[in-house]
Amino acid sequence: MKLRFSYVDGGVHPKSGQAYYWWWPEILPELGYERYVRYLSGVLSAVAQVSSQCDRLLKYIDDIEVGIESRIVGGGNDVELTFSKTGVQVDILINDDWCGQPEGHFQLREWKVALEAWRHFLTLPESLETVVEVDI
């Protein structure tokens, strides 16, 4: 599964000049990609708007991997992430049908790779040429 981060042209603001906005983190279509759209790319910008929030979630993954913690619940903006040895369960709290679903469960590695790429993207200049792609 390939994940792509990029910006879109937000127009010219009269005082601050050219504006760019994150494009919804994009999953390139392939078999089974819909769950990645809803439960990974669809929530990434809700739970990690800045690189320090990526760092916090990456620390959760590290703490689970090395055995410091067995279960950590985090998230934000109507999204709950439950980290455990079995992976990351993503629950989108605004819709009961999107909570506790098998489609919302991912390997720790998948979320780690996505968060590292997202963190990298957030540190780059805002530009139409700024694109980060990663295989998850």
N, C-alpha and C. Protein backbone atom coordinates (compact mmCIF):
# COMPACT_ATOMS: atom_id res chain seq x y z
N MET A 1 0.85 -1.16 0.00
CA MET A 1 0.00 0.00 0.00
C MET A 1 0.90 1.23 0.00
N LYS A 2 0.66 2.17 -0.88
CA LYS A 2 1.46 3.39 -0.97
C LYS A 2 0.66 4.57 -0.43
N LEU A 3 1.31 5.35 0.43
CA LEU A 3 0.72 6.51 1.07
C LEU A 3 1.46 7.75 0.54
N ARG A 4 0.70 8.78 0.15
CA ARG A 4 1.30 10.00 -0.41
C ARG A 4 0.79 11.22 0.36
N PHE A 5 1.74 12.07 0.75
CA PHE A 5 1.43 13.33 1.41
C PHE A 5 1.83 14.46 0.48
N SER A 6 0.96 15.49 0.35
CA SER A 6 1.26 16.62 -0.51
C SER A 6 0.42 17.82 -0.09
N TYR A 7 0.70 18.95 -0.72
CA TYR A 7 -0.05 20.19 -0.48
C TYR A 7 -0.89 20.54 -1.69
N VAL A 8 -1.91 21.35 -1.46
CA VAL A 8 -2.71 21.93 -2.54
C VAL A 8 -2.63 23.45 -2.42
N ASP A 9 -2.87 24.11 -3.53
CA ASP A 9 -2.85 25.56 -3.58
C ASP A 9 -4.05 26.11 -2.82
N GLY A 10 -3.79 26.92 -1.83
CA GLY A 10 -4.86 27.51 -1.04
C GLY A 10 -5.20 28.93 -1.47
N GLY A 11 -4.58 29.40 -2.55
CA GLY A 11 -4.83 30.75 -3.02
C GLY A 11 -3.91 31.76 -2.37
N VAL A 12 -4.13 33.00 -2.69
CA VAL A 12 -3.30 34.07 -2.16
C VAL A 12 -4.10 34.85 -1.12
N HIS A 13 -3.54 34.90 0.07
CA HIS A 13 -4.14 35.68 1.16
C HIS A 13 -3.64 37.11 1.03
N PRO A 14 -4.53 38.12 1.20
CA PRO A 14 -4.12 39.51 1.00
C PRO A 14 -2.98 39.99 1.92
N LYS A 15 -2.86 39.41 3.10
CA LYS A 15 -1.82 39.86 4.03
C LYS A 15 -0.64 38.89 4.12
N SER A 16 -0.91 37.58 4.11
CA SER A 16 0.18 36.63 4.32
C SER A 16 0.71 36.01 3.03
N GLY A 17 0.09 36.31 1.91
CA GLY A 17 0.60 35.81 0.64
C GLY A 17 0.09 34.42 0.30
N GLN A 18 0.87 33.70 -0.48
CA GLN A 18 0.49 32.37 -0.96
C GLN A 18 0.23 31.41 0.21
N ALA A 19 -0.88 30.70 0.13
CA ALA A 19 -1.22 29.72 1.17
C ALA A 19 -1.27 28.33 0.57
N TYR A 20 -0.84 27.35 1.34
CA TYR A 20 -0.90 25.95 0.95
C TYR A 20 -1.58 25.18 2.08
N TYR A 21 -2.30 24.15 1.70
CA TYR A 21 -2.98 23.31 2.67
C TYR A 21 -2.61 21.86 2.42
N TRP A 22 -2.56 21.08 3.53
CA TRP A 22 -2.33 19.65 3.37
C TRP A 22 -3.41 19.09 2.48
N TRP A 23 -3.05 18.27 1.58
CA TRP A 23 -4.01 17.46 0.86
C TRP A 23 -4.27 16.27 1.74
N TRP A 24 -5.51 15.78 1.77
CA TRP A 24 -5.85 14.60 2.57
C TRP A 24 -4.81 13.53 2.27
N PRO A 25 -4.13 12.98 3.30
CA PRO A 25 -3.14 11.93 3.01
C PRO A 25 -3.77 10.86 2.12
N GLU A 26 -3.14 10.63 1.00
CA GLU A 26 -3.73 9.83 -0.06
C GLU A 26 -3.17 8.41 -0.07
N ILE A 27 -4.07 7.43 -0.15
CA ILE A 27 -3.69 6.04 -0.33
C ILE A 27 -3.92 5.73 -1.80
N LEU A 28 -2.88 5.28 -2.47
CA LEU A 28 -3.03 4.96 -3.89
C LEU A 28 -3.82 3.66 -4.02
N PRO A 29 -4.83 3.66 -4.87
CA PRO A 29 -5.77 2.53 -4.95
C PRO A 29 -5.10 1.20 -5.30
N GLU A 30 -5.43 0.22 -4.51
CA GLU A 30 -5.12 -1.19 -4.78
C GLU A 30 -6.07 -2.00 -3.91
N LEU A 31 -6.06 -3.28 -4.07
CA LEU A 31 -7.00 -4.15 -3.38
C LEU A 31 -6.98 -3.89 -1.87
N GLY A 32 -8.14 -3.62 -1.28
CA GLY A 32 -8.27 -3.42 0.15
C GLY A 32 -7.90 -2.04 0.66
N TYR A 33 -7.70 -1.10 -0.25
CA TYR A 33 -7.23 0.22 0.18
C TYR A 33 -8.27 1.03 0.94
N GLU A 34 -9.55 0.69 0.82
CA GLU A 34 -10.60 1.49 1.45
C GLU A 34 -10.41 1.60 2.96
N ARG A 35 -10.02 0.51 3.62
CA ARG A 35 -9.84 0.56 5.07
C ARG A 35 -8.68 1.48 5.46
N TYR A 36 -7.66 1.54 4.60
CA TYR A 36 -6.54 2.45 4.86
C TYR A 36 -6.98 3.90 4.71
N VAL A 37 -7.88 4.15 3.78
CA VAL A 37 -8.39 5.51 3.59
C VAL A 37 -9.15 5.96 4.83
N ARG A 38 -10.06 5.13 5.32
CA ARG A 38 -10.89 5.52 6.47
C ARG A 38 -10.10 5.53 7.77
N TYR A 39 -9.37 4.47 8.05
CA TYR A 39 -8.81 4.27 9.39
C TYR A 39 -7.35 4.68 9.53
N LEU A 40 -6.68 5.02 8.44
CA LEU A 40 -5.29 5.46 8.59
C LEU A 40 -5.14 6.87 8.02
N SER A 41 -5.22 7.03 6.72
CA SER A 41 -5.03 8.37 6.16
C SER A 41 -6.12 9.33 6.60
N GLY A 42 -7.33 8.82 6.81
CA GLY A 42 -8.44 9.65 7.21
C GLY A 42 -8.33 10.19 8.63
N VAL A 43 -7.51 9.57 9.46
CA VAL A 43 -7.39 10.02 10.84
C VAL A 43 -6.01 10.58 11.19
N LEU A 44 -5.05 10.39 10.32
CA LEU A 44 -3.68 10.82 10.62
C LEU A 44 -3.60 12.30 10.98
N SER A 45 -4.24 13.15 10.18
CA SER A 45 -4.17 14.58 10.47
C SER A 45 -5.03 14.97 11.67
N ALA A 46 -5.92 14.10 12.10
CA ALA A 46 -6.73 14.38 13.30
C ALA A 46 -5.95 14.10 14.57
N VAL A 47 -5.08 13.10 14.54
CA VAL A 47 -4.36 12.70 15.75
C VAL A 47 -2.95 13.26 15.82
N ALA A 48 -2.45 13.80 14.70
CA ALA A 48 -1.08 14.33 14.68
C ALA A 48 -0.97 15.50 13.71
N GLN A 49 -1.33 16.68 14.19
CA GLN A 49 -1.26 17.87 13.33
C GLN A 49 0.14 18.47 13.27
N VAL A 50 0.98 18.14 14.24
CA VAL A 50 2.35 18.68 14.30
C VAL A 50 3.31 17.53 14.61
N SER A 51 4.59 17.76 14.34
CA SER A 51 5.57 16.69 14.48
C SER A 51 5.69 16.18 15.93
N SER A 52 5.48 17.05 16.92
CA SER A 52 5.57 16.59 18.31
C SER A 52 4.47 15.57 18.64
N GLN A 53 3.30 15.71 18.01
CA GLN A 53 2.25 14.72 18.22
C GLN A 53 2.62 13.40 17.54
N CYS A 54 3.30 13.46 16.41
CA CYS A 54 3.81 12.24 15.77
C CYS A 54 4.81 11.57 16.71
N ASP A 55 5.70 12.37 17.30
CA ASP A 55 6.70 11.83 18.23
C ASP A 55 6.03 11.11 19.41
N ARG A 56 4.95 11.71 19.93
CA ARG A 56 4.25 11.10 21.07
C ARG A 56 3.69 9.73 20.68
N LEU A 57 3.05 9.66 19.51
CA LEU A 57 2.48 8.38 19.06
C LEU A 57 3.56 7.37 18.72
N LEU A 58 4.67 7.84 18.15
CA LEU A 58 5.79 6.93 17.86
C LEU A 58 6.40 6.39 19.16
N LYS A 59 6.41 7.21 20.20
CA LYS A 59 6.90 6.73 21.51
C LYS A 59 5.97 5.65 22.05
N TYR A 60 4.68 5.82 21.88
CA TYR A 60 3.74 4.78 22.30
C TYR A 60 4.09 3.45 21.62
N ILE A 61 4.33 3.51 20.33
CA ILE A 61 4.67 2.29 19.58
C ILE A 61 5.96 1.69 20.10
N ASP A 62 6.98 2.54 20.31
CA ASP A 62 8.25 2.04 20.85
C ASP A 62 8.07 1.41 22.22
N ASP A 63 7.27 2.05 23.09
CA ASP A 63 7.05 1.51 24.43
C ASP A 63 6.35 0.15 24.37
N ILE A 64 5.46 -0.04 23.43
CA ILE A 64 4.80 -1.33 23.26
C ILE A 64 5.79 -2.35 22.73
N GLU A 65 6.57 -1.97 21.73
CA GLU A 65 7.51 -2.91 21.09
C GLU A 65 8.57 -3.42 22.06
N VAL A 66 9.07 -2.55 22.94
CA VAL A 66 10.12 -2.98 23.87
C VAL A 66 9.57 -3.55 25.18
N GLY A 67 8.25 -3.50 25.34
CA GLY A 67 7.63 -4.12 26.51
C GLY A 67 7.49 -3.23 27.72
N ILE A 68 7.75 -1.92 27.58
CA ILE A 68 7.55 -1.00 28.70
C ILE A 68 6.07 -0.91 29.06
N GLU A 69 5.24 -0.92 28.04
CA GLU A 69 3.79 -0.88 28.21
C GLU A 69 3.17 -2.03 27.44
N SER A 70 2.03 -2.50 27.90
CA SER A 70 1.33 -3.56 27.17
C SER A 70 0.13 -3.01 26.39
N ARG A 71 -0.36 -1.84 26.84
CA ARG A 71 -1.52 -1.24 26.18
C ARG A 71 -1.51 0.26 26.47
N ILE A 72 -1.66 1.06 25.41
CA ILE A 72 -1.72 2.52 25.56
C ILE A 72 -2.88 3.02 24.71
N VAL A 73 -3.71 3.86 25.30
CA VAL A 73 -4.82 4.46 24.57
C VAL A 73 -4.51 5.95 24.38
N GLY A 74 -4.60 6.40 23.13
CA GLY A 74 -4.33 7.81 22.82
C GLY A 74 -5.20 8.22 21.65
N GLY A 75 -4.87 9.36 21.07
CA GLY A 75 -5.62 9.82 19.91
C GLY A 75 -5.98 11.27 20.05
N GLY A 76 -7.12 11.65 19.51
CA GLY A 76 -7.58 13.04 19.57
C GLY A 76 -8.60 13.31 18.48
N ASN A 77 -9.34 14.40 18.65
CA ASN A 77 -10.32 14.83 17.66
C ASN A 77 -11.26 13.70 17.22
N ASP A 78 -11.92 13.10 18.19
CA ASP A 78 -12.91 12.05 17.93
C ASP A 78 -12.32 10.77 17.36
N VAL A 79 -11.02 10.55 17.57
CA VAL A 79 -10.37 9.31 17.15
C VAL A 79 -9.64 8.74 18.36
N GLU A 80 -9.88 7.45 18.61
CA GLU A 80 -9.18 6.76 19.69
C GLU A 80 -8.28 5.70 19.08
N LEU A 81 -7.01 5.72 19.48
CA LEU A 81 -6.04 4.72 19.04
C LEU A 81 -5.66 3.87 20.24
N THR A 82 -5.76 2.56 20.08
CA THR A 82 -5.35 1.65 21.14
C THR A 82 -4.16 0.85 20.64
N PHE A 83 -3.02 1.09 21.28
CA PHE A 83 -1.77 0.43 20.91
C PHE A 83 -1.56 -0.77 21.81
N SER A 84 -1.23 -1.91 21.22
CA SER A 84 -0.92 -3.12 21.99
C SER A 84 0.02 -3.99 21.15
N LYS A 85 0.49 -5.09 21.72
CA LYS A 85 1.38 -5.99 20.98
C LYS A 85 0.73 -6.51 19.71
N THR A 86 -0.59 -6.59 19.68
CA THR A 86 -1.27 -7.10 18.48
C THR A 86 -1.40 -6.06 17.39
N GLY A 87 -1.13 -4.76 17.70
CA GLY A 87 -1.21 -3.72 16.69
C GLY A 87 -1.88 -2.46 17.20
N VAL A 88 -2.44 -1.71 16.26
CA VAL A 88 -3.14 -0.46 16.57
C VAL A 88 -4.59 -0.61 16.14
N GLN A 89 -5.49 -0.42 17.10
CA GLN A 89 -6.91 -0.41 16.79
C GLN A 89 -7.36 1.04 16.69
N VAL A 90 -7.93 1.40 15.55
CA VAL A 90 -8.40 2.76 15.31
C VAL A 90 -9.92 2.77 15.43
N ASP A 91 -10.43 3.61 16.30
CA ASP A 91 -11.87 3.78 16.47
C ASP A 91 -12.21 5.25 16.20
N ILE A 92 -13.11 5.46 15.25
CA ILE A 92 -13.56 6.81 14.91
C ILE A 92 -14.86 7.03 15.68
N LEU A 93 -14.78 7.84 16.72
CA LEU A 93 -15.83 7.92 17.73
C LEU A 93 -17.09 8.63 17.27
N ILE A 94 -17.07 9.30 16.14
CA ILE A 94 -18.26 10.02 15.68
C ILE A 94 -19.29 9.10 15.03
N ASN A 95 -18.91 7.83 14.84
CA ASN A 95 -19.83 6.88 14.21
C ASN A 95 -19.64 5.51 14.88
N ASP A 96 -20.65 5.04 15.57
CA ASP A 96 -20.53 3.75 16.27
C ASP A 96 -20.15 2.60 15.33
N ASP A 97 -20.54 2.70 14.07
CA ASP A 97 -20.20 1.66 13.10
C ASP A 97 -18.72 1.64 12.77
N TRP A 98 -17.97 2.68 13.16
CA TRP A 98 -16.54 2.76 12.87
C TRP A 98 -15.69 2.50 14.10
N CYS A 99 -16.29 1.90 15.12
CA CYS A 99 -15.58 1.56 16.35
C CYS A 99 -15.52 0.05 16.50
N GLY A 100 -14.37 -0.44 16.91
CA GLY A 100 -14.20 -1.87 17.17
C GLY A 100 -14.24 -2.74 15.93
N GLN A 101 -14.05 -2.16 14.79
CA GLN A 101 -14.13 -2.92 13.54
C GLN A 101 -12.79 -3.58 13.21
N PRO A 102 -12.82 -4.81 12.69
CA PRO A 102 -11.57 -5.47 12.28
C PRO A 102 -10.81 -4.67 11.22
N GLU A 103 -11.54 -3.92 10.38
CA GLU A 103 -10.89 -3.10 9.35
C GLU A 103 -10.06 -1.98 9.96
N GLY A 104 -10.34 -1.63 11.20
CA GLY A 104 -9.61 -0.57 11.89
C GLY A 104 -8.38 -1.04 12.63
N HIS A 105 -8.02 -2.32 12.47
CA HIS A 105 -6.84 -2.86 13.15
C HIS A 105 -5.67 -2.97 12.19
N PHE A 106 -4.52 -2.43 12.62
CA PHE A 106 -3.31 -2.40 11.79
C PHE A 106 -2.11 -2.92 12.57
N GLN A 107 -1.12 -3.36 11.85
CA GLN A 107 0.14 -3.76 12.48
C GLN A 107 0.83 -2.51 13.02
N LEU A 108 1.58 -2.67 14.10
CA LEU A 108 2.33 -1.55 14.65
C LEU A 108 3.25 -0.95 13.58
N ARG A 109 3.88 -1.81 12.79
CA ARG A 109 4.80 -1.37 11.75
C ARG A 109 4.13 -0.44 10.75
N GLU A 110 2.88 -0.73 10.38
CA GLU A 110 2.17 0.10 9.41
C GLU A 110 1.99 1.53 9.95
N TRP A 111 1.56 1.62 11.20
CA TRP A 111 1.36 2.94 11.79
C TRP A 111 2.70 3.64 12.01
N LYS A 112 3.72 2.90 12.38
CA LYS A 112 5.03 3.49 12.60
C LYS A 112 5.57 4.11 11.31
N VAL A 113 5.50 3.37 10.22
CA VAL A 113 5.98 3.87 8.93
C VAL A 113 5.17 5.10 8.50
N ALA A 114 3.85 5.04 8.64
CA ALA A 114 2.99 6.16 8.26
C ALA A 114 3.29 7.39 9.11
N LEU A 115 3.45 7.22 10.41
CA LEU A 115 3.73 8.35 11.29
C LEU A 115 5.10 8.97 11.01
N GLU A 116 6.10 8.14 10.75
CA GLU A 116 7.43 8.66 10.43
C GLU A 116 7.40 9.48 9.15
N ALA A 117 6.69 9.00 8.14
CA ALA A 117 6.58 9.74 6.88
C ALA A 117 5.79 11.03 7.07
N TRP A 118 4.71 10.97 7.83
CA TRP A 118 3.88 12.15 8.09
C TRP A 118 4.69 13.20 8.85
N ARG A 119 5.45 12.76 9.86
CA ARG A 119 6.29 13.68 10.64
C ARG A 119 7.30 14.36 9.70
N HIS A 120 7.92 13.57 8.82
CA HIS A 120 8.88 14.13 7.87
C HIS A 120 8.19 15.17 6.97
N PHE A 121 7.02 14.84 6.46
CA PHE A 121 6.27 15.74 5.60
C PHE A 121 5.99 17.07 6.32
N LEU A 122 5.59 17.00 7.58
CA LEU A 122 5.25 18.20 8.34
C LEU A 122 6.45 19.13 8.54
N THR A 123 7.67 18.60 8.44
CA THR A 123 8.87 19.42 8.64
C THR A 123 9.37 20.05 7.34
N LEU A 124 8.81 19.66 6.21
CA LEU A 124 9.25 20.18 4.92
C LEU A 124 8.55 21.49 4.58
N PRO A 125 9.13 22.28 3.66
CA PRO A 125 8.49 23.53 3.26
C PRO A 125 7.12 23.30 2.64
N GLU A 126 6.20 24.21 2.90
CA GLU A 126 4.87 24.14 2.30
C GLU A 126 4.99 24.60 0.85
N SER A 127 4.77 23.66 -0.06
CA SER A 127 4.96 23.92 -1.49
C SER A 127 4.23 22.85 -2.29
N LEU A 128 3.84 23.20 -3.49
CA LEU A 128 3.22 22.20 -4.37
C LEU A 128 4.22 21.12 -4.75
N GLU A 129 5.51 21.42 -4.67
CA GLU A 129 6.55 20.44 -5.00
C GLU A 129 6.85 19.49 -3.85
N THR A 130 6.37 19.80 -2.65
CA THR A 130 6.62 18.95 -1.49
C THR A 130 5.70 17.74 -1.54
N VAL A 131 6.31 16.58 -1.73
CA VAL A 131 5.57 15.32 -1.78
C VAL A 131 6.38 14.27 -1.06
N VAL A 132 5.74 13.51 -0.19
CA VAL A 132 6.37 12.38 0.48
C VAL A 132 5.53 11.15 0.20
N GLU A 133 6.18 10.11 -0.31
CA GLU A 133 5.50 8.84 -0.55
C GLU A 133 6.20 7.75 0.23
N VAL A 134 5.41 6.82 0.73
CA VAL A 134 5.98 5.72 1.50
C VAL A 134 5.12 4.48 1.30
N ASP A 135 5.76 3.33 1.30
CA ASP A 135 5.04 2.06 1.26
C ASP A 135 4.78 1.60 2.67
N ILE A 136 3.51 1.29 2.95
CA ILE A 136 3.16 0.79 4.29
C ILE A 136 2.70 -0.65 4.19
